[in-house]
Amino acid sequence: MDIKNHQKTAHAPSTLEKIKIVPIGGKLSHIKKTFGSTYRRLDPNKPSPTVTRSGYRDFIHPFENRMLTVRELACLQTFPLHWEFIGTRLDSYSSKRVVTMTQFGQVGNAVPPILAKAIGDALQKQLFESSNG
């Protein structure tokens, strides 16, 4: 099976050093001074934190020393495996940024499909119940 958007990032040695010291369920910020909530190693026995646009820097695979792929983040967001994100996979956050929305950004900015369906179902039920009453 060809799984779309499952390309692992080739991390710089300095990034790998940071990743390797974070325990399962831990955050780099609990070990050393760092910006925001980046470098969090997922705990496979707990719900994932919210996936954001900067997801490629946020989540470390629970067992492998790497960040999650676009596909893995999309699975956390409940996107089906056949769904493909197009465009540039990753871009820097420099002031000379060329790409406006990366694949990681598309996943992080998306409403999770299962949540969207639940909201749609609730709205439909409300509208039909309101029109009958």
N, C-alpha and C. Protein backbone atom coordinates (compact mmCIF):
# COMPACT_ATOMS: atom_id res chain seq x y z
N MET A 1 0.85 -1.19 0.00
CA MET A 1 0.00 0.00 0.00
C MET A 1 0.89 1.25 0.00
N ASP A 2 0.60 2.15 -0.90
CA ASP A 2 1.33 3.40 -0.99
C ASP A 2 0.70 4.41 -0.03
N ILE A 3 1.40 4.72 1.05
CA ILE A 3 0.88 5.67 2.03
C ILE A 3 1.41 7.06 1.69
N LYS A 4 0.49 7.95 1.39
CA LYS A 4 0.84 9.31 1.00
C LYS A 4 1.30 10.13 2.22
N ASN A 5 2.20 11.07 1.97
CA ASN A 5 2.64 12.05 2.97
C ASN A 5 3.36 11.42 4.16
N HIS A 6 4.02 10.29 3.95
CA HIS A 6 4.70 9.62 5.06
C HIS A 6 6.22 9.69 4.89
N GLN A 7 6.71 10.85 4.50
CA GLN A 7 8.15 11.04 4.30
C GLN A 7 8.77 11.55 5.60
N LYS A 8 9.75 10.83 6.11
CA LYS A 8 10.42 11.23 7.34
C LYS A 8 11.38 12.37 7.06
N THR A 9 11.53 13.26 8.02
CA THR A 9 12.43 14.40 7.90
C THR A 9 13.86 13.96 8.20
N ALA A 10 14.79 14.44 7.40
CA ALA A 10 16.22 14.20 7.67
C ALA A 10 16.67 15.28 8.66
N HIS A 11 16.71 14.92 9.93
CA HIS A 11 17.01 15.90 10.97
C HIS A 11 18.50 16.23 11.04
N ALA A 12 18.79 17.47 11.38
CA ALA A 12 20.16 17.91 11.61
C ALA A 12 20.68 17.23 12.88
N PRO A 13 21.98 17.03 12.98
CA PRO A 13 22.54 16.42 14.19
C PRO A 13 22.14 17.15 15.48
N SER A 14 22.05 18.45 15.44
CA SER A 14 21.65 19.21 16.64
C SER A 14 20.20 18.93 17.03
N THR A 15 19.34 18.72 16.04
CA THR A 15 17.95 18.37 16.31
C THR A 15 17.86 16.97 16.91
N LEU A 16 18.62 16.03 16.34
CA LEU A 16 18.62 14.67 16.86
C LEU A 16 19.09 14.62 18.31
N GLU A 17 20.08 15.45 18.66
CA GLU A 17 20.55 15.50 20.05
C GLU A 17 19.41 15.90 20.98
N LYS A 18 18.61 16.87 20.58
CA LYS A 18 17.48 17.31 21.40
C LYS A 18 16.43 16.21 21.51
N ILE A 19 16.11 15.59 20.37
CA ILE A 19 15.08 14.54 20.34
C ILE A 19 15.45 13.39 21.27
N LYS A 20 16.70 12.97 21.22
CA LYS A 20 17.14 11.78 21.96
C LYS A 20 17.02 11.91 23.47
N ILE A 21 17.04 13.13 24.00
CA ILE A 21 17.00 13.28 25.46
C ILE A 21 15.59 13.40 26.03
N VAL A 22 14.59 13.45 25.14
CA VAL A 22 13.20 13.61 25.61
C VAL A 22 12.58 12.24 25.85
N PRO A 23 12.15 11.96 27.09
CA PRO A 23 11.53 10.66 27.38
C PRO A 23 10.09 10.60 26.88
N ILE A 24 9.53 9.39 26.81
CA ILE A 24 8.13 9.21 26.41
C ILE A 24 7.24 10.04 27.33
N GLY A 25 6.36 10.84 26.73
CA GLY A 25 5.46 11.70 27.49
C GLY A 25 6.11 12.97 27.99
N GLY A 26 7.39 13.18 27.69
CA GLY A 26 8.12 14.34 28.19
C GLY A 26 8.24 15.46 27.18
N LYS A 27 8.75 16.58 27.66
CA LYS A 27 8.98 17.76 26.83
C LYS A 27 10.42 18.21 26.99
N LEU A 28 10.99 18.69 25.92
CA LEU A 28 12.35 19.22 25.99
C LEU A 28 12.42 20.38 26.97
N SER A 29 11.37 21.17 27.05
CA SER A 29 11.37 22.35 27.94
C SER A 29 11.47 21.96 29.42
N HIS A 30 11.18 20.69 29.75
CA HIS A 30 11.35 20.22 31.13
C HIS A 30 12.80 19.85 31.43
N ILE A 31 13.60 19.77 30.36
CA ILE A 31 15.00 19.35 30.49
C ILE A 31 15.95 20.54 30.31
N LYS A 32 15.64 21.39 29.35
CA LYS A 32 16.47 22.57 29.07
C LYS A 32 15.61 23.69 28.52
N LYS A 33 16.14 24.90 28.56
CA LYS A 33 15.40 26.06 28.09
C LYS A 33 15.17 25.95 26.58
N THR A 34 13.91 26.12 26.19
CA THR A 34 13.56 26.03 24.78
C THR A 34 12.35 26.91 24.51
N PHE A 35 12.06 27.15 23.25
CA PHE A 35 10.95 28.01 22.85
C PHE A 35 9.65 27.21 22.83
N GLY A 36 8.63 27.73 23.49
CA GLY A 36 7.28 27.18 23.41
C GLY A 36 7.17 25.72 23.81
N SER A 37 6.28 25.02 23.12
CA SER A 37 6.01 23.62 23.46
C SER A 37 6.53 22.68 22.38
N THR A 38 7.61 23.06 21.75
CA THR A 38 8.20 22.19 20.74
C THR A 38 8.90 21.00 21.41
N TYR A 39 9.14 19.98 20.64
CA TYR A 39 9.86 18.79 21.10
C TYR A 39 9.14 18.08 22.25
N ARG A 40 7.95 17.59 21.97
CA ARG A 40 7.20 16.78 22.93
C ARG A 40 7.13 15.36 22.40
N ARG A 41 7.60 14.40 23.20
CA ARG A 41 7.53 13.00 22.77
C ARG A 41 6.17 12.45 23.18
N LEU A 42 5.44 11.94 22.20
CA LEU A 42 4.10 11.43 22.47
C LEU A 42 4.14 10.20 23.37
N ASP A 43 3.13 10.10 24.21
CA ASP A 43 2.93 8.93 25.05
C ASP A 43 1.85 8.10 24.36
N PRO A 44 2.15 6.88 23.91
CA PRO A 44 1.17 6.09 23.17
C PRO A 44 -0.05 5.69 24.00
N ASN A 45 0.01 5.88 25.30
CA ASN A 45 -1.11 5.52 26.17
C ASN A 45 -1.97 6.71 26.58
N LYS A 46 -1.70 7.87 25.99
CA LYS A 46 -2.46 9.07 26.32
C LYS A 46 -2.92 9.76 25.04
N PRO A 47 -3.97 10.58 25.13
CA PRO A 47 -4.40 11.35 23.95
C PRO A 47 -3.29 12.32 23.52
N SER A 48 -3.26 12.60 22.25
CA SER A 48 -2.29 13.54 21.71
C SER A 48 -2.67 14.97 22.08
N PRO A 49 -1.67 15.83 22.30
CA PRO A 49 -1.98 17.26 22.40
C PRO A 49 -2.52 17.75 21.05
N THR A 50 -3.02 18.94 21.02
CA THR A 50 -3.57 19.53 19.79
C THR A 50 -2.50 19.64 18.71
N VAL A 51 -2.84 19.21 17.52
CA VAL A 51 -1.95 19.34 16.36
C VAL A 51 -2.09 20.77 15.85
N THR A 52 -0.95 21.45 15.69
CA THR A 52 -0.95 22.83 15.22
C THR A 52 -0.20 22.95 13.90
N ARG A 53 -0.21 24.12 13.36
CA ARG A 53 0.46 24.38 12.09
C ARG A 53 1.95 24.08 12.17
N SER A 54 2.54 24.26 13.32
CA SER A 54 3.98 24.00 13.46
C SER A 54 4.25 22.57 13.92
N GLY A 55 3.34 21.67 13.61
CA GLY A 55 3.40 20.29 14.07
C GLY A 55 4.70 19.57 13.80
N TYR A 56 5.41 19.92 12.75
CA TYR A 56 6.65 19.22 12.44
C TYR A 56 7.70 19.45 13.52
N ARG A 57 7.55 20.49 14.32
CA ARG A 57 8.50 20.75 15.40
C ARG A 57 7.94 20.34 16.76
N ASP A 58 6.68 20.01 16.80
CA ASP A 58 6.02 19.79 18.08
C ASP A 58 6.11 18.37 18.60
N PHE A 59 5.90 17.39 17.75
CA PHE A 59 5.72 16.02 18.23
C PHE A 59 6.85 15.08 17.82
N ILE A 60 7.41 14.42 18.82
CA ILE A 60 8.42 13.40 18.59
C ILE A 60 7.70 12.05 18.61
N HIS A 61 8.08 11.19 17.70
CA HIS A 61 7.53 9.84 17.65
C HIS A 61 7.76 9.17 19.01
N PRO A 62 6.80 8.39 19.50
CA PRO A 62 6.96 7.79 20.83
C PRO A 62 8.17 6.86 20.96
N PHE A 63 8.52 6.15 19.89
CA PHE A 63 9.58 5.14 20.00
C PHE A 63 10.79 5.39 19.11
N GLU A 64 10.63 6.19 18.06
CA GLU A 64 11.74 6.48 17.15
C GLU A 64 12.24 7.89 17.41
N ASN A 65 13.53 8.11 17.18
CA ASN A 65 14.11 9.43 17.41
C ASN A 65 13.95 10.30 16.16
N ARG A 66 12.72 10.76 15.97
CA ARG A 66 12.37 11.63 14.84
C ARG A 66 11.05 12.31 15.13
N MET A 67 10.81 13.38 14.40
CA MET A 67 9.53 14.06 14.48
C MET A 67 8.51 13.27 13.66
N LEU A 68 7.23 13.52 13.90
CA LEU A 68 6.18 12.82 13.17
C LEU A 68 6.14 13.29 11.71
N THR A 69 5.65 12.42 10.84
CA THR A 69 5.47 12.77 9.43
C THR A 69 4.12 13.48 9.26
N VAL A 70 3.92 14.05 8.10
CA VAL A 70 2.63 14.67 7.77
C VAL A 70 1.52 13.64 7.95
N ARG A 71 1.73 12.41 7.47
CA ARG A 71 0.71 11.36 7.57
C ARG A 71 0.40 11.02 9.01
N GLU A 72 1.41 10.90 9.85
CA GLU A 72 1.18 10.58 11.25
C GLU A 72 0.38 11.68 11.95
N LEU A 73 0.70 12.93 11.64
CA LEU A 73 -0.07 14.04 12.21
C LEU A 73 -1.50 14.02 11.67
N ALA A 74 -1.65 13.69 10.39
CA ALA A 74 -2.99 13.62 9.78
C ALA A 74 -3.81 12.51 10.44
N CYS A 75 -3.17 11.41 10.80
CA CYS A 75 -3.89 10.34 11.51
C CYS A 75 -4.36 10.82 12.88
N LEU A 76 -3.52 11.60 13.57
CA LEU A 76 -3.95 12.17 14.85
C LEU A 76 -5.16 13.08 14.66
N GLN A 77 -5.24 13.73 13.50
CA GLN A 77 -6.34 14.63 13.18
C GLN A 77 -7.55 13.87 12.61
N THR A 78 -7.47 12.58 12.52
CA THR A 78 -8.53 11.67 12.03
C THR A 78 -8.73 11.70 10.52
N PHE A 79 -7.76 12.16 9.76
CA PHE A 79 -7.87 12.08 8.30
C PHE A 79 -7.69 10.63 7.86
N PRO A 80 -8.50 10.17 6.90
CA PRO A 80 -8.34 8.80 6.40
C PRO A 80 -7.02 8.62 5.64
N LEU A 81 -6.52 7.40 5.60
CA LEU A 81 -5.23 7.14 4.95
C LEU A 81 -5.20 7.52 3.47
N HIS A 82 -6.35 7.47 2.79
CA HIS A 82 -6.35 7.79 1.36
C HIS A 82 -6.26 9.30 1.09
N TRP A 83 -6.46 10.13 2.11
CA TRP A 83 -6.43 11.58 1.93
C TRP A 83 -4.99 12.01 1.68
N GLU A 84 -4.77 12.80 0.62
CA GLU A 84 -3.43 13.25 0.29
C GLU A 84 -3.33 14.77 0.41
N PHE A 85 -2.31 15.22 1.09
CA PHE A 85 -2.02 16.64 1.20
C PHE A 85 -1.03 16.98 0.10
N ILE A 86 -1.30 18.05 -0.63
CA ILE A 86 -0.43 18.40 -1.76
C ILE A 86 0.32 19.69 -1.46
N GLY A 87 1.29 19.98 -2.29
CA GLY A 87 2.10 21.17 -2.10
C GLY A 87 3.41 20.84 -1.40
N THR A 88 4.10 21.86 -0.98
CA THR A 88 5.39 21.70 -0.33
C THR A 88 5.20 21.08 1.05
N ARG A 89 6.02 20.09 1.35
CA ARG A 89 5.90 19.40 2.63
C ARG A 89 6.35 20.28 3.79
N LEU A 90 7.47 20.95 3.64
CA LEU A 90 8.07 21.68 4.75
C LEU A 90 8.74 22.94 4.24
N ASP A 91 8.69 23.97 5.03
CA ASP A 91 9.33 25.23 4.68
C ASP A 91 9.87 25.84 5.96
N SER A 92 10.81 26.73 5.80
CA SER A 92 11.37 27.40 6.98
C SER A 92 10.45 28.52 7.43
N TYR A 93 10.73 29.04 8.60
CA TYR A 93 9.97 30.17 9.12
C TYR A 93 10.74 31.47 8.94
N SER A 94 11.55 31.55 7.90
CA SER A 94 12.35 32.75 7.68
C SER A 94 11.49 33.88 7.14
N SER A 95 12.02 35.08 7.21
CA SER A 95 11.30 36.25 6.70
C SER A 95 11.17 36.22 5.18
N LYS A 96 11.97 35.40 4.51
CA LYS A 96 11.93 35.29 3.06
C LYS A 96 11.07 34.10 2.62
N ARG A 97 10.16 33.71 3.45
CA ARG A 97 9.30 32.56 3.20
C ARG A 97 8.59 32.69 1.84
N VAL A 98 8.64 31.64 1.07
CA VAL A 98 8.03 31.63 -0.26
C VAL A 98 6.70 30.88 -0.22
N VAL A 99 6.63 29.79 0.52
CA VAL A 99 5.45 28.95 0.57
C VAL A 99 4.47 29.51 1.59
N THR A 100 3.20 29.63 1.19
CA THR A 100 2.22 30.19 2.11
C THR A 100 1.57 29.12 2.98
N MET A 101 1.45 27.89 2.48
CA MET A 101 0.82 26.84 3.28
C MET A 101 1.46 25.50 2.94
N THR A 102 2.19 24.95 3.87
CA THR A 102 2.83 23.66 3.68
C THR A 102 1.85 22.52 3.99
N GLN A 103 2.26 21.30 3.69
CA GLN A 103 1.45 20.14 4.07
C GLN A 103 1.26 20.09 5.58
N PHE A 104 2.32 20.36 6.33
CA PHE A 104 2.21 20.38 7.79
C PHE A 104 1.20 21.45 8.23
N GLY A 105 1.24 22.61 7.57
CA GLY A 105 0.30 23.68 7.88
C GLY A 105 -1.14 23.31 7.55
N GLN A 106 -1.33 22.61 6.44
CA GLN A 106 -2.68 22.16 6.07
C GLN A 106 -3.26 21.25 7.14
N VAL A 107 -2.45 20.33 7.64
CA VAL A 107 -2.92 19.40 8.68
C VAL A 107 -3.22 20.16 9.96
N GLY A 108 -2.31 21.02 10.36
CA GLY A 108 -2.47 21.75 11.62
C GLY A 108 -3.61 22.74 11.62
N ASN A 109 -3.91 23.31 10.47
CA ASN A 109 -4.99 24.30 10.38
C ASN A 109 -6.36 23.66 10.12
N ALA A 110 -6.37 22.37 9.85
CA ALA A 110 -7.62 21.69 9.50
C ALA A 110 -8.48 21.39 10.73
N VAL A 111 -9.77 21.38 10.49
CA VAL A 111 -10.70 20.86 11.50
C VAL A 111 -10.67 19.34 11.33
N PRO A 112 -10.43 18.59 12.40
CA PRO A 112 -10.41 17.13 12.27
C PRO A 112 -11.72 16.61 11.65
N PRO A 113 -11.63 15.76 10.62
CA PRO A 113 -12.84 15.29 9.95
C PRO A 113 -13.91 14.69 10.87
N ILE A 114 -13.50 13.93 11.87
CA ILE A 114 -14.50 13.34 12.77
C ILE A 114 -15.20 14.44 13.58
N LEU A 115 -14.47 15.47 13.98
CA LEU A 115 -15.09 16.60 14.68
C LEU A 115 -16.03 17.35 13.74
N ALA A 116 -15.59 17.60 12.50
CA ALA A 116 -16.43 18.30 11.53
C ALA A 116 -17.74 17.54 11.30
N LYS A 117 -17.66 16.22 11.19
CA LYS A 117 -18.87 15.42 10.99
C LYS A 117 -19.80 15.53 12.20
N ALA A 118 -19.24 15.45 13.40
CA ALA A 118 -20.07 15.55 14.61
C ALA A 118 -20.76 16.91 14.68
N ILE A 119 -20.06 17.97 14.34
CA ILE A 119 -20.66 19.31 14.34
C ILE A 119 -21.76 19.39 13.28
N GLY A 120 -21.46 18.88 12.08
CA GLY A 120 -22.46 18.89 11.01
C GLY A 120 -23.70 18.10 11.37
N ASP A 121 -23.50 16.92 11.97
CA ASP A 121 -24.64 16.10 12.39
C ASP A 121 -25.48 16.83 13.45
N ALA A 122 -24.80 17.48 14.40
CA ALA A 122 -25.52 18.19 15.46
C ALA A 122 -26.30 19.38 14.89
N LEU A 123 -25.68 20.09 13.95
CA LEU A 123 -26.38 21.22 13.32
C LEU A 123 -27.59 20.75 12.52
N GLN A 124 -27.42 19.67 11.78
CA GLN A 124 -28.52 19.14 10.99
C GLN A 124 -29.67 18.71 11.90
N LYS A 125 -29.34 18.03 12.99
CA LYS A 125 -30.36 17.60 13.95
C LYS A 125 -31.08 18.82 14.54
N GLN A 126 -30.33 19.82 14.90
CA GLN A 126 -30.90 21.05 15.48
C GLN A 126 -31.82 21.74 14.49
N LEU A 127 -31.40 21.84 13.24
CA LEU A 127 -32.20 22.52 12.22
C LEU A 127 -33.49 21.78 11.95
N PHE A 128 -33.41 20.45 11.84
CA PHE A 128 -34.62 19.67 11.56
C PHE A 128 -35.56 19.63 12.77
N GLU A 129 -35.00 19.56 13.97
CA GLU A 129 -35.84 19.55 15.16
C GLU A 129 -36.51 20.91 15.35
N SER A 130 -35.75 21.98 15.05
CA SER A 130 -36.29 23.34 15.18
C SER A 130 -37.43 23.59 14.19
N SER A 131 -37.30 23.04 12.97
CA SER A 131 -38.33 23.28 11.96
C SER A 131 -39.60 22.47 12.24
N ASN A 132 -39.49 21.42 13.03
CA ASN A 132 -40.67 20.59 13.35
C ASN A 132 -41.39 21.10 14.61
N GLY A 133 -40.77 21.97 15.35
CA GLY A 133 -41.36 22.35 16.62
C GLY A 133 -41.91 23.71 16.57
